[in-house]
N, C-alpha and C. Protein backbone atom coordinates (compact mmCIF):
# COMPACT_ATOMS: atom_id res chain seq x y z
N MET A 1 168.83 -83.03 133.78
CA MET A 1 168.75 -82.07 134.85
C MET A 1 168.90 -80.70 134.24
N ARG A 2 168.04 -79.76 134.64
CA ARG A 2 168.15 -78.41 134.13
C ARG A 2 167.83 -77.43 135.22
N THR A 3 168.31 -76.22 135.06
CA THR A 3 168.05 -75.16 136.01
C THR A 3 166.98 -74.26 135.44
N LEU A 4 165.95 -73.99 136.23
CA LEU A 4 164.85 -73.14 135.79
C LEU A 4 164.86 -71.85 136.57
N PRO A 5 164.44 -70.76 135.96
CA PRO A 5 164.23 -69.54 136.74
C PRO A 5 163.14 -69.79 137.76
N ILE A 6 163.14 -69.02 138.84
CA ILE A 6 162.19 -69.22 139.94
C ILE A 6 160.75 -69.21 139.45
N ALA A 7 160.40 -68.31 138.55
CA ALA A 7 159.02 -68.24 138.07
C ALA A 7 158.64 -69.51 137.34
N ALA A 8 159.53 -70.02 136.51
CA ALA A 8 159.23 -71.24 135.77
C ALA A 8 159.14 -72.43 136.71
N ALA A 9 160.00 -72.49 137.73
CA ALA A 9 159.95 -73.59 138.68
C ALA A 9 158.64 -73.58 139.44
N LEU A 10 158.20 -72.41 139.86
CA LEU A 10 156.94 -72.34 140.59
C LEU A 10 155.76 -72.61 139.67
N THR A 11 155.83 -72.16 138.42
CA THR A 11 154.76 -72.43 137.47
C THR A 11 154.65 -73.93 137.23
N SER A 12 155.78 -74.61 137.09
CA SER A 12 155.73 -76.05 136.87
C SER A 12 155.18 -76.77 138.08
N ALA A 13 155.42 -76.24 139.26
CA ALA A 13 154.88 -76.86 140.47
C ALA A 13 153.37 -76.74 140.51
N VAL A 14 152.83 -75.65 139.99
CA VAL A 14 151.39 -75.43 140.02
C VAL A 14 150.69 -76.24 138.95
N ALA A 15 151.38 -76.65 137.91
CA ALA A 15 150.77 -77.36 136.79
C ALA A 15 150.82 -78.87 136.95
N ALA A 16 150.85 -79.38 138.16
CA ALA A 16 151.08 -80.80 138.43
C ALA A 16 150.03 -81.73 137.85
N VAL A 17 148.77 -81.34 137.84
CA VAL A 17 147.73 -82.28 137.48
C VAL A 17 147.00 -81.88 136.20
N VAL A 18 147.57 -82.19 135.06
CA VAL A 18 146.90 -81.87 133.81
C VAL A 18 146.53 -83.15 133.08
N LEU A 19 147.50 -83.98 132.77
CA LEU A 19 147.30 -85.26 132.10
C LEU A 19 148.03 -86.33 132.88
N GLY A 20 147.76 -87.58 132.58
CA GLY A 20 148.51 -88.58 133.31
C GLY A 20 148.29 -89.98 132.81
N ALA A 21 149.07 -90.87 133.39
CA ALA A 21 148.97 -92.29 133.11
C ALA A 21 148.98 -93.02 134.43
N THR A 22 148.47 -94.23 134.43
CA THR A 22 148.48 -94.99 135.67
C THR A 22 149.89 -95.49 135.93
N PHE A 23 150.19 -95.71 137.20
CA PHE A 23 151.51 -96.15 137.62
C PHE A 23 151.51 -97.66 137.76
N ALA A 24 152.51 -98.27 137.18
CA ALA A 24 152.71 -99.70 137.37
C ALA A 24 154.20 -99.91 137.58
N GLY A 25 154.55 -100.72 138.57
CA GLY A 25 155.95 -100.96 138.86
C GLY A 25 156.62 -101.78 137.78
N PRO A 26 157.92 -101.66 137.63
CA PRO A 26 158.64 -102.42 136.63
C PRO A 26 158.71 -103.89 136.99
N ALA A 27 158.84 -104.71 135.99
CA ALA A 27 158.93 -106.15 136.23
C ALA A 27 160.30 -106.48 136.80
N SER A 28 160.36 -107.53 137.59
CA SER A 28 161.61 -107.98 138.16
C SER A 28 161.81 -109.43 137.74
N ALA A 29 163.05 -109.83 137.48
CA ALA A 29 163.32 -111.21 137.09
C ALA A 29 162.91 -112.17 138.20
N ASP A 30 163.09 -111.79 139.43
CA ASP A 30 162.70 -112.60 140.58
C ASP A 30 161.52 -111.90 141.24
N PRO A 31 160.32 -112.52 141.22
CA PRO A 31 159.14 -111.84 141.77
C PRO A 31 159.23 -111.55 143.26
N ASP A 32 160.14 -112.21 143.98
CA ASP A 32 160.29 -111.96 145.41
C ASP A 32 161.30 -110.84 145.69
N THR A 33 161.96 -110.33 144.66
CA THR A 33 162.93 -109.26 144.83
C THR A 33 162.35 -107.97 144.25
N PRO A 34 162.04 -107.00 145.12
CA PRO A 34 161.47 -105.75 144.60
C PRO A 34 162.48 -104.97 143.78
N ASN A 35 162.01 -104.31 142.75
CA ASN A 35 162.87 -103.46 141.94
C ASN A 35 163.11 -102.17 142.70
N PRO A 36 164.38 -101.74 142.89
CA PRO A 36 164.65 -100.54 143.69
C PRO A 36 164.28 -99.24 142.99
N LEU A 37 163.99 -99.29 141.68
CA LEU A 37 163.63 -98.07 140.95
C LEU A 37 162.20 -98.17 140.45
N ASP A 38 161.50 -97.04 140.46
CA ASP A 38 160.18 -97.01 139.84
C ASP A 38 160.39 -96.65 138.36
N PRO A 39 159.34 -96.59 137.54
CA PRO A 39 159.53 -96.35 136.10
C PRO A 39 160.24 -95.04 135.77
N SER A 40 160.25 -94.08 136.66
CA SER A 40 160.89 -92.80 136.39
C SER A 40 162.40 -92.86 136.53
N GLY A 41 162.94 -93.94 137.09
CA GLY A 41 164.36 -94.01 137.37
C GLY A 41 164.70 -93.49 138.75
N LEU A 42 163.69 -93.06 139.50
CA LEU A 42 163.89 -92.60 140.88
C LEU A 42 163.81 -93.79 141.82
N PRO A 43 164.45 -93.70 142.99
CA PRO A 43 164.28 -94.76 143.98
C PRO A 43 162.80 -94.97 144.30
N ASN A 44 162.41 -96.21 144.49
CA ASN A 44 161.02 -96.55 144.77
C ASN A 44 160.71 -96.29 146.24
N VAL A 45 159.80 -95.38 146.52
CA VAL A 45 159.44 -95.04 147.90
C VAL A 45 158.24 -95.82 148.40
N ASN A 46 157.60 -96.60 147.54
CA ASN A 46 156.38 -97.29 147.93
C ASN A 46 156.58 -98.34 149.02
N GLY A 47 157.80 -98.82 149.20
CA GLY A 47 158.07 -99.79 150.25
C GLY A 47 158.29 -99.16 151.62
N LEU A 48 158.37 -97.84 151.67
CA LEU A 48 158.56 -97.15 152.95
C LEU A 48 157.23 -97.09 153.71
N THR A 49 157.30 -96.96 155.02
CA THR A 49 156.11 -96.93 155.87
C THR A 49 155.34 -95.63 155.65
N PRO A 50 154.05 -95.72 155.28
CA PRO A 50 153.27 -94.50 155.09
C PRO A 50 152.95 -93.81 156.42
N VAL A 51 152.96 -92.48 156.40
CA VAL A 51 152.52 -91.68 157.54
C VAL A 51 151.21 -91.01 157.14
N SER A 52 150.43 -90.62 158.13
CA SER A 52 149.17 -89.93 157.85
C SER A 52 149.45 -88.49 157.44
N PRO A 53 148.98 -88.07 156.26
CA PRO A 53 149.17 -86.67 155.86
C PRO A 53 148.58 -85.69 156.87
N LEU A 54 147.53 -86.09 157.56
CA LEU A 54 146.88 -85.19 158.51
C LEU A 54 147.83 -84.73 159.60
N GLU A 55 148.80 -85.58 159.97
CA GLU A 55 149.79 -85.21 160.98
C GLU A 55 150.74 -84.12 160.49
N TYR A 56 150.75 -83.86 159.19
CA TYR A 56 151.66 -82.89 158.59
C TYR A 56 150.91 -81.70 157.97
N SER A 57 149.63 -81.60 158.29
CA SER A 57 148.81 -80.51 157.76
C SER A 57 149.32 -79.16 158.26
N THR A 58 149.38 -78.19 157.37
CA THR A 58 149.91 -76.88 157.69
C THR A 58 149.23 -75.81 156.84
N MET A 59 149.54 -74.57 157.11
CA MET A 59 149.03 -73.44 156.33
C MET A 59 147.51 -73.51 156.20
N ALA A 60 146.84 -73.55 157.35
CA ALA A 60 145.37 -73.59 157.41
C ALA A 60 144.82 -74.77 156.62
N ASP A 61 145.46 -75.92 156.75
CA ASP A 61 145.05 -77.16 156.09
C ASP A 61 145.07 -77.09 154.57
N THR A 62 145.90 -76.24 153.99
CA THR A 62 145.99 -76.15 152.54
C THR A 62 147.19 -76.93 151.98
N ALA A 63 148.03 -77.47 152.88
CA ALA A 63 149.23 -78.16 152.44
C ALA A 63 149.70 -79.14 153.51
N TYR A 64 150.63 -79.99 153.10
CA TYR A 64 151.31 -80.90 154.01
C TYR A 64 152.79 -80.52 153.98
N GLY A 65 153.35 -80.18 155.13
CA GLY A 65 154.73 -79.74 155.20
C GLY A 65 155.54 -80.63 156.12
N PHE A 66 156.82 -80.79 155.79
CA PHE A 66 157.72 -81.59 156.62
C PHE A 66 159.14 -81.11 156.40
N THR A 67 160.01 -81.51 157.30
CA THR A 67 161.44 -81.21 157.17
C THR A 67 162.21 -82.51 157.04
N ILE A 68 163.42 -82.39 156.49
CA ILE A 68 164.34 -83.51 156.41
C ILE A 68 165.69 -83.02 156.95
N PRO A 69 166.62 -83.94 157.24
CA PRO A 69 167.91 -83.52 157.76
C PRO A 69 168.56 -82.45 156.89
N GLY A 70 169.29 -81.56 157.53
CA GLY A 70 169.97 -80.48 156.83
C GLY A 70 169.17 -79.19 156.81
N GLY A 71 168.05 -79.16 157.55
CA GLY A 71 167.23 -77.95 157.60
C GLY A 71 166.44 -77.69 156.33
N ILE A 72 166.15 -78.72 155.57
CA ILE A 72 165.40 -78.57 154.32
C ILE A 72 163.91 -78.72 154.61
N SER A 73 163.12 -77.78 154.12
CA SER A 73 161.66 -77.79 154.29
C SER A 73 161.00 -78.20 152.98
N CYS A 74 159.96 -79.03 153.09
CA CYS A 74 159.26 -79.53 151.91
C CYS A 74 157.76 -79.36 152.09
N LEU A 75 157.06 -79.26 150.97
CA LEU A 75 155.64 -78.98 150.99
C LEU A 75 154.95 -79.68 149.83
N ILE A 76 153.76 -80.23 150.10
CA ILE A 76 152.86 -80.73 149.06
C ILE A 76 151.57 -79.95 149.21
N LYS A 77 151.19 -79.20 148.18
CA LYS A 77 149.97 -78.40 148.24
C LYS A 77 148.75 -79.26 147.93
N ARG A 78 147.70 -79.09 148.73
CA ARG A 78 146.48 -79.88 148.55
C ARG A 78 145.70 -79.47 147.31
N ALA A 79 145.70 -78.21 146.95
CA ALA A 79 144.87 -77.74 145.84
C ALA A 79 145.23 -78.41 144.51
N ASP A 80 146.52 -78.56 144.26
CA ASP A 80 146.94 -79.09 142.96
C ASP A 80 148.04 -80.15 143.05
N ALA A 81 148.37 -80.57 144.25
CA ALA A 81 149.42 -81.58 144.49
C ALA A 81 150.78 -81.13 143.96
N SER A 82 151.01 -79.81 143.84
CA SER A 82 152.35 -79.35 143.51
C SER A 82 153.24 -79.58 144.73
N TYR A 83 154.53 -79.74 144.52
CA TYR A 83 155.41 -80.11 145.61
C TYR A 83 156.82 -79.61 145.36
N GLY A 84 157.57 -79.47 146.45
CA GLY A 84 158.95 -79.03 146.34
C GLY A 84 159.61 -78.91 147.69
N CYS A 85 160.89 -78.60 147.65
CA CYS A 85 161.69 -78.43 148.87
C CYS A 85 162.60 -77.22 148.70
N SER A 86 162.92 -76.58 149.83
CA SER A 86 163.86 -75.47 149.79
C SER A 86 164.81 -75.57 150.98
N GLY A 87 166.00 -75.06 150.77
CA GLY A 87 167.04 -75.10 151.77
C GLY A 87 168.37 -75.35 151.09
N ALA A 88 169.37 -75.72 151.86
CA ALA A 88 170.69 -76.03 151.31
C ALA A 88 170.65 -77.41 150.67
N LEU A 89 170.44 -77.48 149.36
CA LEU A 89 170.29 -78.74 148.63
C LEU A 89 171.67 -79.26 148.22
N PRO A 90 172.13 -80.36 148.81
CA PRO A 90 173.48 -80.86 148.51
C PRO A 90 173.67 -81.15 147.02
N GLY A 91 174.72 -80.59 146.45
CA GLY A 91 175.07 -80.88 145.07
C GLY A 91 174.12 -80.33 144.02
N ALA A 92 173.23 -79.42 144.39
CA ALA A 92 172.30 -78.86 143.41
C ALA A 92 173.07 -78.00 142.41
N PRO A 93 172.62 -77.98 141.15
CA PRO A 93 173.33 -77.20 140.14
C PRO A 93 173.32 -75.70 140.44
N ASN A 94 174.45 -75.07 140.21
CA ASN A 94 174.60 -73.62 140.38
C ASN A 94 174.21 -73.13 141.77
N GLY A 95 174.34 -73.99 142.78
CA GLY A 95 174.02 -73.59 144.15
C GLY A 95 172.54 -73.37 144.40
N ALA A 96 171.68 -73.96 143.59
CA ALA A 96 170.23 -73.80 143.75
C ALA A 96 169.80 -74.18 145.16
N ASN A 97 168.80 -73.46 145.68
CA ASN A 97 168.28 -73.75 147.01
C ASN A 97 166.78 -74.07 146.97
N LEU A 98 166.27 -74.39 145.79
CA LEU A 98 164.86 -74.72 145.61
C LEU A 98 164.75 -75.79 144.54
N VAL A 99 163.98 -76.83 144.83
CA VAL A 99 163.66 -77.82 143.82
C VAL A 99 162.15 -77.98 143.81
N SER A 100 161.59 -77.93 142.63
CA SER A 100 160.15 -78.03 142.46
C SER A 100 159.86 -79.21 141.56
N GLY A 101 158.92 -80.03 141.96
CA GLY A 101 158.56 -81.16 141.14
C GLY A 101 157.13 -81.04 140.68
N SER A 102 156.89 -81.36 139.49
CA SER A 102 155.56 -81.38 138.89
C SER A 102 155.72 -81.97 137.52
N ASN A 103 155.11 -81.34 136.52
CA ASN A 103 155.26 -81.90 135.18
C ASN A 103 156.64 -81.63 134.59
N ALA A 104 157.40 -80.71 135.16
CA ALA A 104 158.77 -80.43 134.71
C ALA A 104 159.62 -80.09 135.93
N PRO A 105 160.09 -81.09 136.69
CA PRO A 105 160.89 -80.80 137.87
C PRO A 105 162.14 -80.00 137.52
N GLY A 106 162.52 -79.11 138.42
CA GLY A 106 163.71 -78.31 138.17
C GLY A 106 164.20 -77.60 139.40
N PHE A 107 165.38 -77.03 139.28
CA PHE A 107 166.04 -76.30 140.35
C PHE A 107 165.96 -74.80 140.08
N ALA A 108 166.02 -74.03 141.15
CA ALA A 108 166.05 -72.58 141.05
C ALA A 108 166.71 -72.03 142.31
N SER A 109 166.98 -70.75 142.30
CA SER A 109 167.53 -70.07 143.47
C SER A 109 166.63 -68.92 143.85
N THR A 110 166.51 -68.70 145.14
CA THR A 110 165.69 -67.60 145.64
C THR A 110 166.31 -67.08 146.92
N ASP A 111 166.04 -65.83 147.24
CA ASP A 111 166.56 -65.25 148.47
C ASP A 111 165.54 -65.31 149.60
N ARG A 112 164.42 -65.97 149.36
CA ARG A 112 163.40 -66.10 150.41
C ARG A 112 162.93 -67.56 150.48
N PRO A 113 162.48 -67.99 151.63
CA PRO A 113 162.01 -69.38 151.74
C PRO A 113 160.69 -69.55 150.98
N ILE A 114 160.65 -70.51 150.09
CA ILE A 114 159.44 -70.78 149.32
C ILE A 114 158.58 -71.81 150.05
N TYR A 115 159.21 -72.86 150.52
CA TYR A 115 158.50 -73.91 151.25
C TYR A 115 158.87 -73.77 152.71
N GLY A 116 157.90 -73.57 153.56
CA GLY A 116 158.16 -73.40 154.98
C GLY A 116 158.09 -71.97 155.42
N PHE A 117 157.43 -71.11 154.65
CA PHE A 117 157.31 -69.71 155.04
C PHE A 117 156.20 -69.55 156.07
N GLY A 118 156.13 -68.38 156.68
CA GLY A 118 155.06 -68.08 157.62
C GLY A 118 155.42 -68.38 159.06
N GLY A 119 156.61 -68.88 159.31
CA GLY A 119 157.03 -69.11 160.68
C GLY A 119 156.44 -70.34 161.34
N GLU A 120 155.57 -71.07 160.66
CA GLU A 120 154.97 -72.27 161.23
C GLU A 120 155.96 -73.43 161.08
N PRO A 121 156.44 -73.99 162.19
CA PRO A 121 157.43 -75.07 162.07
C PRO A 121 156.80 -76.35 161.51
N PHE A 122 157.54 -77.01 160.65
CA PHE A 122 157.10 -78.28 160.08
C PHE A 122 157.64 -79.42 160.92
N LYS A 123 156.92 -80.50 160.93
CA LYS A 123 157.30 -81.72 161.64
C LYS A 123 158.30 -82.50 160.78
N PRO A 124 159.34 -83.08 161.40
CA PRO A 124 160.29 -83.89 160.62
C PRO A 124 159.63 -85.16 160.09
N LEU A 125 159.98 -85.53 158.87
CA LEU A 125 159.55 -86.81 158.31
C LEU A 125 160.54 -87.86 158.81
N PRO A 126 160.05 -88.90 159.50
CA PRO A 126 160.98 -89.90 160.06
C PRO A 126 161.67 -90.73 158.97
N PRO A 127 162.92 -91.11 159.19
CA PRO A 127 163.59 -92.00 158.25
C PRO A 127 162.79 -93.29 158.09
N GLY A 128 162.76 -93.81 156.87
CA GLY A 128 162.03 -95.04 156.59
C GLY A 128 160.54 -94.83 156.37
N SER A 129 160.12 -93.58 156.18
CA SER A 129 158.69 -93.31 156.00
C SER A 129 158.44 -92.50 154.74
N ARG A 130 157.16 -92.46 154.34
CA ARG A 130 156.76 -91.66 153.18
C ARG A 130 155.45 -90.97 153.48
N LEU A 131 155.29 -89.79 152.90
CA LEU A 131 154.05 -89.03 152.96
C LEU A 131 153.51 -88.98 151.54
N SER A 132 152.26 -89.41 151.36
CA SER A 132 151.66 -89.44 150.03
C SER A 132 150.37 -88.65 150.03
N TYR A 133 150.16 -87.92 148.94
CA TYR A 133 148.91 -87.20 148.71
C TYR A 133 148.63 -87.24 147.21
N ARG A 134 147.45 -87.76 146.87
CA ARG A 134 147.08 -87.96 145.48
C ARG A 134 148.20 -88.70 144.76
N GLU A 135 148.74 -88.17 143.68
CA GLU A 135 149.74 -88.89 142.91
C GLU A 135 151.18 -88.64 143.36
N VAL A 136 151.37 -87.85 144.40
CA VAL A 136 152.72 -87.50 144.86
C VAL A 136 153.08 -88.27 146.13
N SER A 137 154.26 -88.85 146.14
CA SER A 137 154.80 -89.50 147.34
C SER A 137 156.22 -89.00 147.57
N CYS A 138 156.51 -88.63 148.81
CA CYS A 138 157.85 -88.23 149.22
C CYS A 138 158.28 -89.17 150.33
N GLY A 139 159.42 -89.82 150.16
CA GLY A 139 159.89 -90.76 151.16
C GLY A 139 161.34 -90.50 151.54
N LEU A 140 161.62 -90.68 152.82
CA LEU A 140 162.97 -90.47 153.36
C LEU A 140 163.56 -91.82 153.75
N ASP A 141 164.67 -92.19 153.12
CA ASP A 141 165.29 -93.46 153.46
C ASP A 141 166.12 -93.34 154.74
N GLY A 142 166.69 -94.44 155.18
CA GLY A 142 167.46 -94.45 156.41
C GLY A 142 168.77 -93.68 156.35
N GLY A 143 169.23 -93.35 155.15
CA GLY A 143 170.47 -92.60 154.99
C GLY A 143 170.27 -91.09 154.85
N GLY A 144 169.02 -90.63 154.99
CA GLY A 144 168.75 -89.20 154.91
C GLY A 144 168.49 -88.68 153.51
N THR A 145 168.22 -89.57 152.57
CA THR A 145 167.92 -89.16 151.20
C THR A 145 166.42 -89.14 150.98
N LEU A 146 165.92 -88.01 150.50
CA LEU A 146 164.51 -87.84 150.20
C LEU A 146 164.28 -88.03 148.71
N THR A 147 163.28 -88.82 148.38
CA THR A 147 162.84 -88.96 147.00
C THR A 147 161.39 -88.54 146.93
N CYS A 148 161.06 -87.61 146.04
CA CYS A 148 159.68 -87.22 145.79
C CYS A 148 159.36 -87.59 144.35
N VAL A 149 158.27 -88.31 144.16
CA VAL A 149 157.91 -88.77 142.83
C VAL A 149 156.44 -88.49 142.56
N ASN A 150 156.16 -88.05 141.35
CA ASN A 150 154.79 -87.88 140.88
C ASN A 150 154.49 -89.11 140.03
N ASN A 151 153.68 -90.02 140.56
CA ASN A 151 153.41 -91.28 139.86
C ASN A 151 152.63 -91.07 138.57
N ARG A 152 151.89 -89.99 138.47
CA ARG A 152 151.16 -89.69 137.24
C ARG A 152 152.12 -89.32 136.11
N TRP A 153 153.05 -88.42 136.40
CA TRP A 153 154.00 -87.97 135.38
C TRP A 153 155.25 -88.84 135.34
N GLN A 154 155.43 -89.69 136.34
CA GLN A 154 156.60 -90.56 136.48
C GLN A 154 157.90 -89.76 136.42
N ASN A 155 157.92 -88.71 137.24
CA ASN A 155 159.13 -87.91 137.37
C ASN A 155 159.20 -87.37 138.79
N GLY A 156 160.26 -86.66 139.11
CA GLY A 156 160.40 -86.11 140.45
C GLY A 156 161.82 -85.68 140.72
N PHE A 157 162.19 -85.77 142.01
CA PHE A 157 163.53 -85.33 142.39
C PHE A 157 164.03 -86.11 143.60
N VAL A 158 165.35 -86.04 143.79
CA VAL A 158 166.03 -86.66 144.93
C VAL A 158 166.89 -85.58 145.58
N VAL A 159 166.86 -85.52 146.91
CA VAL A 159 167.69 -84.60 147.69
C VAL A 159 168.32 -85.42 148.81
N GLY A 160 169.63 -85.44 148.87
CA GLY A 160 170.27 -86.21 149.93
C GLY A 160 171.73 -85.89 150.07
N PRO A 161 172.37 -86.49 151.06
CA PRO A 161 173.78 -86.22 151.33
C PRO A 161 174.67 -86.48 150.11
N GLY A 162 174.28 -87.43 149.26
CA GLY A 162 175.08 -87.75 148.08
C GLY A 162 174.84 -86.85 146.89
N GLY A 163 173.90 -85.91 147.00
CA GLY A 163 173.61 -85.01 145.90
C GLY A 163 172.12 -84.86 145.66
N SER A 164 171.78 -83.99 144.75
CA SER A 164 170.39 -83.70 144.41
C SER A 164 170.24 -83.72 142.90
N TYR A 165 169.14 -84.31 142.41
CA TYR A 165 168.90 -84.35 140.98
C TYR A 165 167.41 -84.48 140.69
N THR A 166 167.05 -84.21 139.44
CA THR A 166 165.67 -84.35 138.98
C THR A 166 165.63 -85.34 137.83
N THR A 167 164.44 -85.88 137.57
CA THR A 167 164.25 -86.73 136.38
C THR A 167 163.00 -86.29 135.67
């Protein structure tokens, strides 16, 4: 986990799709028992119920935006599949209020809303569901923890009542 300056965090969010590998889930000793972690070490969101990204279209159809408990706003940009969340991130390092995921997920602090600007309200992502676009999936479990993972880079972040971290 590292803290990035705001410019570096936003730059990493924009650089999401450069190189990649295909995603394959980890093997499990019992084929009927799903592995709770994907290869990145993040919780596996693929078992959550998918929602239609179109229901979350925002900013003149250039992004998909949603909120999670705690007043946190999240966004996945359509142009480059960059993604992140802003708001009061529980347990974020140095009081960071922004997490950006891409090829180098990281935390930053800003005095303005980065995700959710423009006054357009975002729709809440229901517990037990995930929103996916291209290689990025963000899923909210029943306990209010959001996991966003880039399956191409096999990294991402977690934001929830128990804390926030990147991989």
